[in-house]
PDB file of all heavy atoms in Angstrom:
ATOM      1  N   SER A   1      -7.717   3.402  -1.180  1.00  0.00           N
ATOM      2  CA  SER A   1      -7.507   3.814   0.200  1.00  0.00           C
ATOM      3  C   SER A   1      -6.278   4.701   0.373  1.00  0.00           C
ATOM      4  O   SER A   1      -6.068   5.260   1.450  1.00  0.00           O
ATOM      5  CB  SER A   1      -7.393   2.596   1.113  1.00  0.00           C
ATOM      6  OG  SER A   1      -6.218   1.860   0.829  1.00  0.00           O
ATOM      7  N   GLY A   2      -5.456   4.812  -0.664  1.00  0.00           N
ATOM      8  CA  GLY A   2      -4.269   5.632  -0.593  1.00  0.00           C
ATOM      9  C   GLY A   2      -2.975   4.885  -0.353  1.00  0.00           C
ATOM     10  O   GLY A   2      -1.908   5.506  -0.311  1.00  0.00           O
ATOM     11  N   SER A   3      -3.040   3.580  -0.195  1.00  0.00           N
ATOM     12  CA  SER A   3      -1.828   2.791  -0.014  1.00  0.00           C
ATOM     13  C   SER A   3      -1.014   2.777  -1.294  1.00  0.00           C
ATOM     14  O   SER A   3      -1.566   2.718  -2.388  1.00  0.00           O
ATOM     15  CB  SER A   3      -2.168   1.359   0.391  1.00  0.00           C
ATOM     16  OG  SER A   3      -2.868   1.326   1.616  1.00  0.00           O
ATOM     17  N   THR A   4       0.301   2.798  -1.160  1.00  0.00           N
ATOM     18  CA  THR A   4       1.187   2.794  -2.316  1.00  0.00           C
ATOM     19  C   THR A   4       2.186   1.662  -2.229  1.00  0.00           C
ATOM     20  O   THR A   4       2.570   1.223  -1.143  1.00  0.00           O
ATOM     21  CB  THR A   4       1.944   4.119  -2.445  1.00  0.00           C
ATOM     22  OG1 THR A   4       2.706   4.353  -1.255  1.00  0.00           O
ATOM     23  CG2 THR A   4       0.980   5.273  -2.649  1.00  0.00           C
ATOM     24  N   ASN A   5       2.609   1.187  -3.384  1.00  0.00           N
ATOM     25  CA  ASN A   5       3.649   0.184  -3.485  1.00  0.00           C
ATOM     26  C   ASN A   5       4.525   0.522  -4.678  1.00  0.00           C
ATOM     27  O   ASN A   5       4.040   1.031  -5.681  1.00  0.00           O
ATOM     28  CB  ASN A   5       3.078  -1.222  -3.646  1.00  0.00           C
ATOM     29  CG  ASN A   5       2.385  -1.728  -2.404  1.00  0.00           C
ATOM     30  OD1 ASN A   5       1.163  -1.707  -2.309  1.00  0.00           O
ATOM     31  ND2 ASN A   5       3.176  -2.180  -1.438  1.00  0.00           N
ATOM     32  N   TYR A   6       5.813   0.204  -4.562  1.00  0.00           N
ATOM     33  CA  TYR A   6       6.779   0.523  -5.593  1.00  0.00           C
ATOM     34  C   TYR A   6       7.659  -0.673  -5.893  1.00  0.00           C
ATOM     35  O   TYR A   6       7.972  -1.477  -5.009  1.00  0.00           O
ATOM     36  CB  TYR A   6       7.684   1.673  -5.166  1.00  0.00           C
ATOM     37  CG  TYR A   6       6.975   2.975  -4.919  1.00  0.00           C
ATOM     38  CD1 TYR A   6       6.490   3.291  -3.656  1.00  0.00           C
ATOM     39  CD2 TYR A   6       6.800   3.893  -5.943  1.00  0.00           C
ATOM     40  CE1 TYR A   6       5.844   4.494  -3.424  1.00  0.00           C
ATOM     41  CE2 TYR A   6       6.156   5.095  -5.719  1.00  0.00           C
ATOM     42  CZ  TYR A   6       5.680   5.385  -4.455  1.00  0.00           C
ATOM     43  OH  TYR A   6       5.045   6.585  -4.232  1.00  0.00           O
ATOM     44  N   GLN A   7       8.081  -0.760  -7.134  1.00  0.00           N
ATOM     45  CA  GLN A   7       9.123  -1.692  -7.493  1.00  0.00           C
ATOM     46  C   GLN A   7      10.397  -1.273  -6.769  1.00  0.00           C
ATOM     47  O   GLN A   7      10.685  -0.082  -6.621  1.00  0.00           O
ATOM     48  CB  GLN A   7       9.341  -1.673  -9.010  1.00  0.00           C
ATOM     49  CG  GLN A   7      10.395  -2.640  -9.497  1.00  0.00           C
ATOM     50  CD  GLN A   7      10.761  -2.405 -10.938  1.00  0.00           C
ATOM     51  OE1 GLN A   7      11.917  -2.564 -11.297  1.00  0.00           O
ATOM     52  NE2 GLN A   7       9.814  -2.044 -11.769  1.00  0.00           N
ATOM     53  N   ASP A   8      11.170  -2.252  -6.319  1.00  0.00           N
ATOM     54  CA  ASP A   8      12.356  -1.960  -5.530  1.00  0.00           C
ATOM     55  C   ASP A   8      13.318  -1.008  -6.240  1.00  0.00           C
ATOM     56  O   ASP A   8      13.932  -0.147  -5.603  1.00  0.00           O
ATOM     57  CB  ASP A   8      13.100  -3.252  -5.174  1.00  0.00           C
ATOM     58  CG  ASP A   8      12.382  -4.067  -4.123  1.00  0.00           C
ATOM     59  OD1 ASP A   8      11.506  -3.514  -3.430  1.00  0.00           O
ATOM     60  OD2 ASP A   8      12.702  -5.263  -3.983  1.00  0.00           O
ATOM     61  N   SER A   9      13.448  -1.137  -7.537  1.00  0.00           N
ATOM     62  CA  SER A   9      14.427  -0.350  -8.273  1.00  0.00           C
ATOM     63  C   SER A   9      14.087   1.134  -8.346  1.00  0.00           C
ATOM     64  O   SER A   9      14.956   1.943  -8.681  1.00  0.00           O
ATOM     65  CB  SER A   9      14.598  -0.902  -9.692  1.00  0.00           C
ATOM     66  OG  SER A   9      13.412  -0.755 -10.449  1.00  0.00           O
ATOM     67  N   VAL A  10      12.860   1.507  -8.034  1.00  0.00           N
ATOM     68  CA  VAL A  10      12.464   2.913  -8.108  1.00  0.00           C
ATOM     69  C   VAL A  10      12.179   3.517  -6.745  1.00  0.00           C
ATOM     70  O   VAL A  10      11.910   4.723  -6.654  1.00  0.00           O
ATOM     71  CB  VAL A  10      11.247   3.117  -9.030  1.00  0.00           C
ATOM     72  CG1 VAL A  10      11.493   2.479 -10.390  1.00  0.00           C
ATOM     73  CG2 VAL A  10       9.972   2.564  -8.401  1.00  0.00           C
ATOM     74  N   LYS A  11      12.243   2.729  -5.701  1.00  0.00           N
ATOM     75  CA  LYS A  11      11.972   3.240  -4.360  1.00  0.00           C
ATOM     76  C   LYS A  11      12.953   4.356  -4.012  1.00  0.00           C
ATOM     77  O   LYS A  11      14.149   4.247  -4.234  1.00  0.00           O
ATOM     78  CB  LYS A  11      12.071   2.121  -3.326  1.00  0.00           C
ATOM     79  CG  LYS A  11      10.929   1.133  -3.368  1.00  0.00           C
ATOM     80  CD  LYS A  11      11.085   0.057  -2.299  1.00  0.00           C
ATOM     81  CE  LYS A  11       9.922  -0.916  -2.327  1.00  0.00           C
ATOM     82  NZ  LYS A  11      10.084  -2.003  -1.327  1.00  0.00           N
ATOM     83  N   GLY A  12      12.413   5.427  -3.476  1.00  0.00           N
ATOM     84  CA  GLY A  12      13.228   6.567  -3.124  1.00  0.00           C
ATOM     85  C   GLY A  12      13.452   7.540  -4.254  1.00  0.00           C
ATOM     86  O   GLY A  12      13.928   8.661  -4.023  1.00  0.00           O
ATOM     87  N   ARG A  13      13.129   7.141  -5.479  1.00  0.00           N
ATOM     88  CA  ARG A  13      13.300   8.011  -6.641  1.00  0.00           C
ATOM     89  C   ARG A  13      11.975   8.411  -7.270  1.00  0.00           C
ATOM     90  O   ARG A  13      11.838   9.532  -7.755  1.00  0.00           O
ATOM     91  CB  ARG A  13      14.168   7.327  -7.698  1.00  0.00           C
ATOM     92  CG  ARG A  13      15.569   6.980  -7.216  1.00  0.00           C
ATOM     93  CD  ARG A  13      16.444   6.492  -8.366  1.00  0.00           C
ATOM     94  NE  ARG A  13      15.923   5.264  -8.967  1.00  0.00           N
ATOM     95  CZ  ARG A  13      15.550   5.151 -10.244  1.00  0.00           C
ATOM     96  NH1 ARG A  13      15.641   6.195 -11.058  1.00  0.00           N
ATOM     97  NH2 ARG A  13      15.112   3.991 -10.708  1.00  0.00           N
ATOM     98  N   PHE A  14      11.016   7.488  -7.286  1.00  0.00           N
ATOM     99  CA  PHE A  14       9.712   7.742  -7.896  1.00  0.00           C
ATOM    100  C   PHE A  14       8.662   7.904  -6.813  1.00  0.00           C
ATOM    101  O   PHE A  14       8.729   7.255  -5.759  1.00  0.00           O
ATOM    102  CB  PHE A  14       9.291   6.583  -8.798  1.00  0.00           C
ATOM    103  CG  PHE A  14      10.103   6.416 -10.056  1.00  0.00           C
ATOM    104  CD1 PHE A  14      11.285   7.114 -10.264  1.00  0.00           C
ATOM    105  CD2 PHE A  14       9.663   5.542 -11.035  1.00  0.00           C
ATOM    106  CE1 PHE A  14      12.019   6.944 -11.423  1.00  0.00           C
ATOM    107  CE2 PHE A  14      10.386   5.368 -12.200  1.00  0.00           C
ATOM    108  CZ  PHE A  14      11.560   6.063 -12.399  1.00  0.00           C
ATOM    109  N   THR A  15       7.684   8.740  -7.087  1.00  0.00           N
ATOM    110  CA  THR A  15       6.569   8.931  -6.177  1.00  0.00           C
ATOM    111  C   THR A  15       5.271   8.937  -6.962  1.00  0.00           C
ATOM    112  O   THR A  15       5.128   9.698  -7.922  1.00  0.00           O
ATOM    113  CB  THR A  15       6.689  10.248  -5.396  1.00  0.00           C
ATOM    114  OG1 THR A  15       7.918  10.267  -4.662  1.00  0.00           O
ATOM    115  CG2 THR A  15       5.530  10.388  -4.419  1.00  0.00           C
ATOM    116  N   ILE A  16       4.342   8.086  -6.561  1.00  0.00           N
ATOM    117  CA  ILE A  16       3.025   8.081  -7.180  1.00  0.00           C
ATOM    118  C   ILE A  16       2.079   8.876  -6.292  1.00  0.00           C
ATOM    119  O   ILE A  16       2.118   8.775  -5.067  1.00  0.00           O
ATOM    120  CB  ILE A  16       2.505   6.644  -7.415  1.00  0.00           C
ATOM    121  CG1 ILE A  16       1.209   6.667  -8.223  1.00  0.00           C
ATOM    122  CG2 ILE A  16       2.328   5.890  -6.109  1.00  0.00           C
ATOM    123  CD1 ILE A  16       0.781   5.285  -8.726  1.00  0.00           C
ATOM    124  N   SER A  17       1.245   9.670  -6.908  1.00  0.00           N
ATOM    125  CA  SER A  17       0.285  10.482  -6.176  1.00  0.00           C
ATOM    126  C   SER A  17      -0.983  10.622  -7.003  1.00  0.00           C
ATOM    127  O   SER A  17      -1.044  10.173  -8.153  1.00  0.00           O
ATOM    128  CB  SER A  17       0.872  11.856  -5.838  1.00  0.00           C
ATOM    129  OG  SER A  17       1.205  12.572  -7.013  1.00  0.00           O
ATOM    130  N   ARG A  18      -1.987  11.244  -6.418  1.00  0.00           N
ATOM    131  CA  ARG A  18      -3.260  11.371  -7.110  1.00  0.00           C
ATOM    132  C   ARG A  18      -3.932  12.684  -6.777  1.00  0.00           C
ATOM    133  O   ARG A  18      -3.690  13.293  -5.736  1.00  0.00           O
ATOM    134  CB  ARG A  18      -4.187  10.214  -6.729  1.00  0.00           C
ATOM    135  CG  ARG A  18      -4.569  10.217  -5.249  1.00  0.00           C
ATOM    136  CD  ARG A  18      -5.365   9.003  -4.868  1.00  0.00           C
ATOM    137  NE  ARG A  18      -5.739   9.030  -3.458  1.00  0.00           N
ATOM    138  CZ  ARG A  18      -6.310   8.035  -2.808  1.00  0.00           C
ATOM    139  NH1 ARG A  18      -6.574   6.899  -3.455  1.00  0.00           N
ATOM    140  NH2 ARG A  18      -6.614   8.159  -1.527  1.00  0.00           N
ATOM    141  N   ASP A  19      -4.774  13.106  -7.693  1.00  0.00           N
ATOM    142  CA  ASP A  19      -5.652  14.243  -7.489  1.00  0.00           C
ATOM    143  C   ASP A  19      -7.055  13.709  -7.726  1.00  0.00           C
ATOM    144  O   ASP A  19      -7.497  13.574  -8.868  1.00  0.00           O
ATOM    145  CB  ASP A  19      -5.319  15.377  -8.456  1.00  0.00           C
ATOM    146  CG  ASP A  19      -6.156  16.618  -8.211  1.00  0.00           C
ATOM    147  OD1 ASP A  19      -7.255  16.508  -7.646  1.00  0.00           O
ATOM    148  OD2 ASP A  19      -5.711  17.715  -8.592  1.00  0.00           O
ATOM    149  N   ASN A  20      -7.739  13.378  -6.652  1.00  0.00           N
ATOM    150  CA  ASN A  20      -9.051  12.748  -6.776  1.00  0.00           C
ATOM    151  C   ASN A  20     -10.067  13.646  -7.479  1.00  0.00           C
ATOM    152  O   ASN A  20     -10.919  13.157  -8.223  1.00  0.00           O
ATOM    153  CB  ASN A  20      -9.579  12.362  -5.397  1.00  0.00           C
ATOM    154  CG  ASN A  20      -8.827  11.194  -4.793  1.00  0.00           C
ATOM    155  OD1 ASN A  20      -8.260  10.371  -5.499  1.00  0.00           O
ATOM    156  ND2 ASN A  20      -8.835  11.117  -3.465  1.00  0.00           N
ATOM    157  N   ALA A  21      -9.982  14.938  -7.238  1.00  0.00           N
ATOM    158  CA  ALA A  21     -10.929  15.855  -7.851  1.00  0.00           C
ATOM    159  C   ALA A  21     -10.818  15.859  -9.367  1.00  0.00           C
ATOM    160  O   ALA A  21     -11.809  16.076 -10.071  1.00  0.00           O
ATOM    161  CB  ALA A  21     -10.728  17.267  -7.302  1.00  0.00           C
ATOM    162  N   LYS A  22      -9.618  15.617  -9.872  1.00  0.00           N
ATOM    163  CA  LYS A  22      -9.390  15.617 -11.316  1.00  0.00           C
ATOM    164  C   LYS A  22      -9.274  14.211 -11.890  1.00  0.00           C
ATOM    165  O   LYS A  22      -9.006  14.065 -13.085  1.00  0.00           O
ATOM    166  CB  LYS A  22      -8.132  16.412 -11.648  1.00  0.00           C
ATOM    167  CG  LYS A  22      -8.225  17.884 -11.280  1.00  0.00           C
ATOM    168  CD  LYS A  22      -6.969  18.633 -11.677  1.00  0.00           C
ATOM    169  CE  LYS A  22      -7.082  20.104 -11.351  1.00  0.00           C
ATOM    170  NZ  LYS A  22      -5.860  20.856 -11.733  1.00  0.00           N
ATOM    171  N   ASN A  23      -9.456  13.194 -11.049  1.00  0.00           N
ATOM    172  CA  ASN A  23      -9.350  11.799 -11.493  1.00  0.00           C
ATOM    173  C   ASN A  23      -8.031  11.556 -12.220  1.00  0.00           C
ATOM    174  O   ASN A  23      -7.993  10.920 -13.280  1.00  0.00           O
ATOM    175  CB  ASN A  23     -10.533  11.421 -12.383  1.00  0.00           C
ATOM    176  CG  ASN A  23     -11.859  11.528 -11.669  1.00  0.00           C
ATOM    177  OD1 ASN A  23     -11.995  11.094 -10.526  1.00  0.00           O
ATOM    178  ND2 ASN A  23     -12.848  12.102 -12.343  1.00  0.00           N
ATOM    179  N   THR A  24      -6.968  12.039 -11.633  1.00  0.00           N
ATOM    180  CA  THR A  24      -5.657  11.988 -12.263  1.00  0.00           C
ATOM    181  C   THR A  24      -4.627  11.394 -11.313  1.00  0.00           C
ATOM    182  O   THR A  24      -4.625  11.701 -10.118  1.00  0.00           O
ATOM    183  CB  THR A  24      -5.208  13.387 -12.702  1.00  0.00           C
ATOM    184  OG1 THR A  24      -6.162  13.924 -13.630  1.00  0.00           O
ATOM    185  CG2 THR A  24      -3.849  13.343 -13.370  1.00  0.00           C
ATOM    186  N   VAL A  25      -3.768  10.542 -11.854  1.00  0.00           N
ATOM    187  CA  VAL A  25      -2.659   9.960 -11.113  1.00  0.00           C
ATOM    188  C   VAL A  25      -1.359  10.461 -11.726  1.00  0.00           C
ATOM    189  O   VAL A  25      -1.254  10.598 -12.950  1.00  0.00           O
ATOM    190  CB  VAL A  25      -2.718   8.425 -11.134  1.00  0.00           C
ATOM    191  CG1 VAL A  25      -1.461   7.824 -10.532  1.00  0.00           C
ATOM    192  CG2 VAL A  25      -3.939   7.941 -10.374  1.00  0.00           C
ATOM    193  N   PHE A  26      -0.386  10.720 -10.875  1.00  0.00           N
ATOM    194  CA  PHE A  26       0.899  11.234 -11.314  1.00  0.00           C
ATOM    195  C   PHE A  26       2.010  10.273 -10.921  1.00  0.00           C
ATOM    196  O   PHE A  26       1.912   9.528  -9.955  1.00  0.00           O
ATOM    197  CB  PHE A  26       1.183  12.598 -10.676  1.00  0.00           C
ATOM    198  CG  PHE A  26       0.106  13.612 -10.905  1.00  0.00           C
ATOM    199  CD1 PHE A  26      -0.897  13.807  -9.969  1.00  0.00           C
ATOM    200  CD2 PHE A  26       0.089  14.368 -12.063  1.00  0.00           C
ATOM    201  CE1 PHE A  26      -1.892  14.743 -10.169  1.00  0.00           C
ATOM    202  CE2 PHE A  26      -0.905  15.310 -12.279  1.00  0.00           C
ATOM    203  CZ  PHE A  26      -1.893  15.498 -11.335  1.00  0.00           C
ATOM    204  N   LEU A  27       3.078  10.320 -11.677  1.00  0.00           N
ATOM    205  CA  LEU A  27       4.296   9.611 -11.320  1.00  0.00           C
ATOM    206  C   LEU A  27       5.451  10.596 -11.438  1.00  0.00           C
ATOM    207  O   LEU A  27       5.857  10.953 -12.547  1.00  0.00           O
ATOM    208  CB  LEU A  27       4.539   8.402 -12.219  1.00  0.00           C
ATOM    209  CG  LEU A  27       5.735   7.537 -11.833  1.00  0.00           C
ATOM    210  CD1 LEU A  27       5.478   6.845 -10.488  1.00  0.00           C
ATOM    211  CD2 LEU A  27       6.034   6.495 -12.905  1.00  0.00           C
ATOM    212  N   GLN A  28       5.938  11.052 -10.300  1.00  0.00           N
ATOM    213  CA  GLN A  28       7.098  11.927 -10.267  1.00  0.00           C
ATOM    214  C   GLN A  28       8.345  11.061 -10.283  1.00  0.00           C
ATOM    215  O   GLN A  28       8.540  10.243  -9.384  1.00  0.00           O
ATOM    216  CB  GLN A  28       7.074  12.813  -9.021  1.00  0.00           C
ATOM    217  CG  GLN A  28       8.265  13.749  -8.893  1.00  0.00           C
ATOM    218  CD  GLN A  28       8.297  14.802  -9.969  1.00  0.00           C
ATOM    219  OE1 GLN A  28       7.277  15.430 -10.251  1.00  0.00           O
ATOM    220  NE2 GLN A  28       9.449  15.000 -10.579  1.00  0.00           N
ATOM    221  N   MET A  29       9.177  11.241 -11.278  1.00  0.00           N
ATOM    222  CA  MET A  29      10.372  10.431 -11.455  1.00  0.00           C
ATOM    223  C   MET A  29      11.595  11.321 -11.318  1.00  0.00           C
ATOM    224  O   MET A  29      11.814  12.219 -12.139  1.00  0.00           O
ATOM    225  CB  MET A  29      10.360   9.733 -12.814  1.00  0.00           C
ATOM    226  CG  MET A  29       9.111   8.891 -13.062  1.00  0.00           C
ATOM    227  SD  MET A  29       9.190   7.954 -14.619  1.00  0.00           S
ATOM    228  CE  MET A  29       9.161   9.306 -15.788  1.00  0.00           C
ATOM    229  N   ASN A  30      12.378  11.073 -10.294  1.00  0.00           N
ATOM    230  CA  ASN A  30      13.594  11.828 -10.032  1.00  0.00           C
ATOM    231  C   ASN A  30      14.808  10.918 -10.149  1.00  0.00           C
ATOM    232  O   ASN A  30      14.698   9.699 -10.107  1.00  0.00           O
ATOM    233  CB  ASN A  30      13.548  12.453  -8.636  1.00  0.00           C
ATOM    234  CG  ASN A  30      12.420  13.432  -8.457  1.00  0.00           C
ATOM    235  OD1 ASN A  30      12.048  14.139  -9.388  1.00  0.00           O
ATOM    236  ND2 ASN A  30      11.875  13.497  -7.247  1.00  0.00           N
ATOM    237  N   SER A  31      15.963  11.541 -10.266  1.00  0.00           N
ATOM    238  CA  SER A  31      17.225  10.800 -10.360  1.00  0.00           C
ATOM    239  C   SER A  31      17.140   9.694 -11.402  1.00  0.00           C
ATOM    240  O   SER A  31      17.516   8.547 -11.158  1.00  0.00           O
ATOM    241  CB  SER A  31      17.598  10.223  -8.988  1.00  0.00           C
ATOM    242  OG  SER A  31      17.725  11.241  -8.022  1.00  0.00           O
ATOM    243  N   LEU A  32      16.660  10.042 -12.568  1.00  0.00           N
ATOM    244  CA  LEU A  32      16.430   9.052 -13.610  1.00  0.00           C
ATOM    245  C   LEU A  32      17.724   8.422 -14.096  1.00  0.00           C
ATOM    246  O   LEU A  32      18.763   9.085 -14.192  1.00  0.00           O
ATOM    247  CB  LEU A  32      15.679   9.679 -14.779  1.00  0.00           C
ATOM    248  CG  LEU A  32      14.179   9.883 -14.524  1.00  0.00           C
ATOM    249  CD1 LEU A  32      13.601  10.890 -15.506  1.00  0.00           C
ATOM    250  CD2 LEU A  32      13.442   8.548 -14.623  1.00  0.00           C
ATOM    251  N   LYS A  33      17.632   7.144 -14.382  1.00  0.00           N
ATOM    252  CA  LYS A  33      18.751   6.358 -14.878  1.00  0.00           C
ATOM    253  C   LYS A  33      18.409   5.808 -16.254  1.00  0.00           C
ATOM    254  O   LYS A  33      17.244   5.717 -16.628  1.00  0.00           O
ATOM    255  CB  LYS A  33      19.052   5.196 -13.926  1.00  0.00           C
ATOM    256  CG  LYS A  33      19.266   5.599 -12.479  1.00  0.00           C
ATOM    257  CD  LYS A  33      19.396   4.366 -11.589  1.00  0.00           C
ATOM    258  CE  LYS A  33      19.581   4.750 -10.135  1.00  0.00           C
ATOM    259  NZ  LYS A  33      19.672   3.544  -9.260  1.00  0.00           N
ATOM    260  N   SER A  34      19.433   5.400 -16.976  1.00  0.00           N
ATOM    261  CA  SER A  34      19.204   4.837 -18.299  1.00  0.00           C
ATOM    262  C   SER A  34      18.316   3.599 -18.236  1.00  0.00           C
ATOM    263  O   SER A  34      17.548   3.334 -19.168  1.00  0.00           O
ATOM    264  CB  SER A  34      20.533   4.497 -18.984  1.00  0.00           C
ATOM    265  OG  SER A  34      21.272   3.561 -18.221  1.00  0.00           O
ATOM    266  N   GLU A  35      18.383   2.856 -17.150  1.00  0.00           N
ATOM    267  CA  GLU A  35      17.568   1.662 -16.994  1.00  0.00           C
ATOM    268  C   GLU A  35      16.087   1.974 -16.846  1.00  0.00           C
ATOM    269  O   GLU A  35      15.252   1.072 -16.919  1.00  0.00           O
ATOM    270  CB  GLU A  35      18.041   0.838 -15.787  1.00  0.00           C
ATOM    271  CG  GLU A  35      17.841   1.538 -14.450  1.00  0.00           C
ATOM    272  CD  GLU A  35      18.462   0.783 -13.286  1.00  0.00           C
ATOM    273  OE1 GLU A  35      19.578   0.256 -13.454  1.00  0.00           O
ATOM    274  OE2 GLU A  35      17.834   0.713 -12.219  1.00  0.00           O
ATOM    275  N   ASP A  36      15.750   3.239 -16.627  1.00  0.00           N
ATOM    276  CA  ASP A  36      14.354   3.646 -16.546  1.00  0.00           C
ATOM    277  C   ASP A  36      13.735   3.864 -17.922  1.00  0.00           C
ATOM    278  O   ASP A  36      12.527   4.098 -18.020  1.00  0.00           O
ATOM    279  CB  ASP A  36      14.217   4.930 -15.723  1.00  0.00           C
ATOM    280  CG  ASP A  36      14.645   4.751 -14.278  1.00  0.00           C
ATOM    281  OD1 ASP A  36      14.288   3.722 -13.673  1.00  0.00           O
ATOM    282  OD2 ASP A  36      15.335   5.651 -13.749  1.00  0.00           O
ATOM    283  N   THR A  37      14.535   3.818 -18.963  1.00  0.00           N
ATOM    284  CA  THR A  37      14.026   3.996 -20.317  1.00  0.00           C
ATOM    285  C   THR A  37      13.022   2.898 -20.646  1.00  0.00           C
ATOM    286  O   THR A  37      13.324   1.711 -20.555  1.00  0.00           O
ATOM    287  CB  THR A  37      15.169   3.979 -21.334  1.00  0.00           C
ATOM    288  OG1 THR A  37      16.021   5.107 -21.109  1.00  0.00           O
ATOM    289  CG2 THR A  37      14.632   4.050 -22.757  1.00  0.00           C
ATOM    290  N   ALA A  38      11.826   3.301 -21.031  1.00  0.00           N
ATOM    291  CA  ALA A  38      10.754   2.355 -21.320  1.00  0.00           C
ATOM    292  C   ALA A  38       9.531   3.121 -21.783  1.00  0.00           C
ATOM    293  O   ALA A  38       9.473   4.347 -21.690  1.00  0.00           O
ATOM    294  CB  ALA A  38      10.406   1.531 -20.074  1.00  0.00           C
ATOM    295  N   VAL A  39       8.555   2.381 -22.267  1.00  0.00           N
ATOM    296  CA  VAL A  39       7.225   2.931 -22.467  1.00  0.00           C
ATOM    297  C   VAL A  39       6.468   2.741 -21.161  1.00  0.00           C
ATOM    298  O   VAL A  39       6.388   1.626 -20.641  1.00  0.00           O
ATOM    299  CB  VAL A  39       6.476   2.254 -23.624  1.00  0.00           C
ATOM    300  CG1 VAL A  39       5.065   2.812 -23.745  1.00  0.00           C
ATOM    301  CG2 VAL A  39       7.234   2.454 -24.929  1.00  0.00           C
ATOM    302  N   TYR A  40       5.928   3.814 -20.642  1.00  0.00           N
ATOM    303  CA  TYR A  40       5.206   3.776 -19.384  1.00  0.00           C
ATOM    304  C   TYR A  40       3.708   3.774 -19.656  1.00  0.00           C
ATOM    305  O   TYR A  40       3.202   4.609 -20.401  1.00  0.00           O
ATOM    306  CB  TYR A  40       5.586   4.972 -18.511  1.00  0.00           C
ATOM    307  CG  TYR A  40       6.939   4.818 -17.869  1.00  0.00           C
ATOM    308  CD1 TYR A  40       8.093   4.882 -18.633  1.00  0.00           C
ATOM    309  CD2 TYR A  40       7.060   4.583 -16.503  1.00  0.00           C
ATOM    310  CE1 TYR A  40       9.339   4.713 -18.056  1.00  0.00           C
ATOM    311  CE2 TYR A  40       8.297   4.418 -15.918  1.00  0.00           C
ATOM    312  CZ  TYR A  40       9.436   4.484 -16.692  1.00  0.00           C
ATOM    313  OH  TYR A  40      10.675   4.322 -16.105  1.00  0.00           O
ATOM    314  N   TYR A  41       3.013   2.819 -19.041  1.00  0.00           N
ATOM    315  CA  TYR A  41       1.587   2.642 -19.243  1.00  0.00           C
ATOM    316  C   TYR A  41       0.829   2.885 -17.947  1.00  0.00           C
ATOM    317  O   TYR A  41       1.150   2.289 -16.916  1.00  0.00           O
ATOM    318  CB  TYR A  41       1.270   1.224 -19.719  1.00  0.00           C
ATOM    319  CG  TYR A  41       1.853   0.867 -21.061  1.00  0.00           C
ATOM    320  CD1 TYR A  41       3.104   0.288 -21.159  1.00  0.00           C
ATOM    321  CD2 TYR A  41       1.134   1.102 -22.229  1.00  0.00           C
ATOM    322  CE1 TYR A  41       3.641  -0.043 -22.391  1.00  0.00           C
ATOM    323  CE2 TYR A  41       1.664   0.769 -23.460  1.00  0.00           C
ATOM    324  CZ  TYR A  41       2.916   0.195 -23.535  1.00  0.00           C
ATOM    325  OH  TYR A  41       3.441  -0.139 -24.753  1.00  0.00           O
ATOM    326  N   CYS A  42      -0.143   3.727 -18.019  1.00  0.00           N
ATOM    327  CA  CYS A  42      -1.062   3.899 -16.910  1.00  0.00           C
ATOM    328  C   CYS A  42      -2.088   2.769 -16.932  1.00  0.00           C
ATOM    329  O   CYS A  42      -2.478   2.298 -18.001  1.00  0.00           O
ATOM    330  CB  CYS A  42      -1.766   5.250 -17.033  1.00  0.00           C
ATOM    331  SG  CYS A  42      -2.963   5.596 -15.726  1.00  0.00           S
ATOM    332  N   TYR A  43      -2.502   2.331 -15.760  1.00  0.00           N
ATOM    333  CA  TYR A  43      -3.565   1.331 -15.693  1.00  0.00           C
ATOM    334  C   TYR A  43      -4.547   1.683 -14.594  1.00  0.00           C
ATOM    335  O   TYR A  43      -4.211   2.368 -13.631  1.00  0.00           O
ATOM    336  CB  TYR A  43      -3.001  -0.075 -15.479  1.00  0.00           C
ATOM    337  CG  TYR A  43      -2.645  -0.392 -14.042  1.00  0.00           C
ATOM    338  CD1 TYR A  43      -3.582  -0.984 -13.187  1.00  0.00           C
ATOM    339  CD2 TYR A  43      -1.379  -0.117 -13.549  1.00  0.00           C
ATOM    340  CE1 TYR A  43      -3.251  -1.266 -11.868  1.00  0.00           C
ATOM    341  CE2 TYR A  43      -1.048  -0.399 -12.239  1.00  0.00           C
ATOM    342  CZ  TYR A  43      -1.990  -0.980 -11.402  1.00  0.00           C
ATOM    343  OH  TYR A  43      -1.656  -1.259 -10.094  1.00  0.00           O
TER     344      TYR A  43
END
């Protein structure tokens, strides 16, 4: 439906979006911090 939810630590810095025509989801990550270091998994 387009509703979004974020972990508190990334609110205001990360944005999730989608391109339905391409069946693709994006995660724009700004103001990155060392604590953001991780393996990121799409689900």
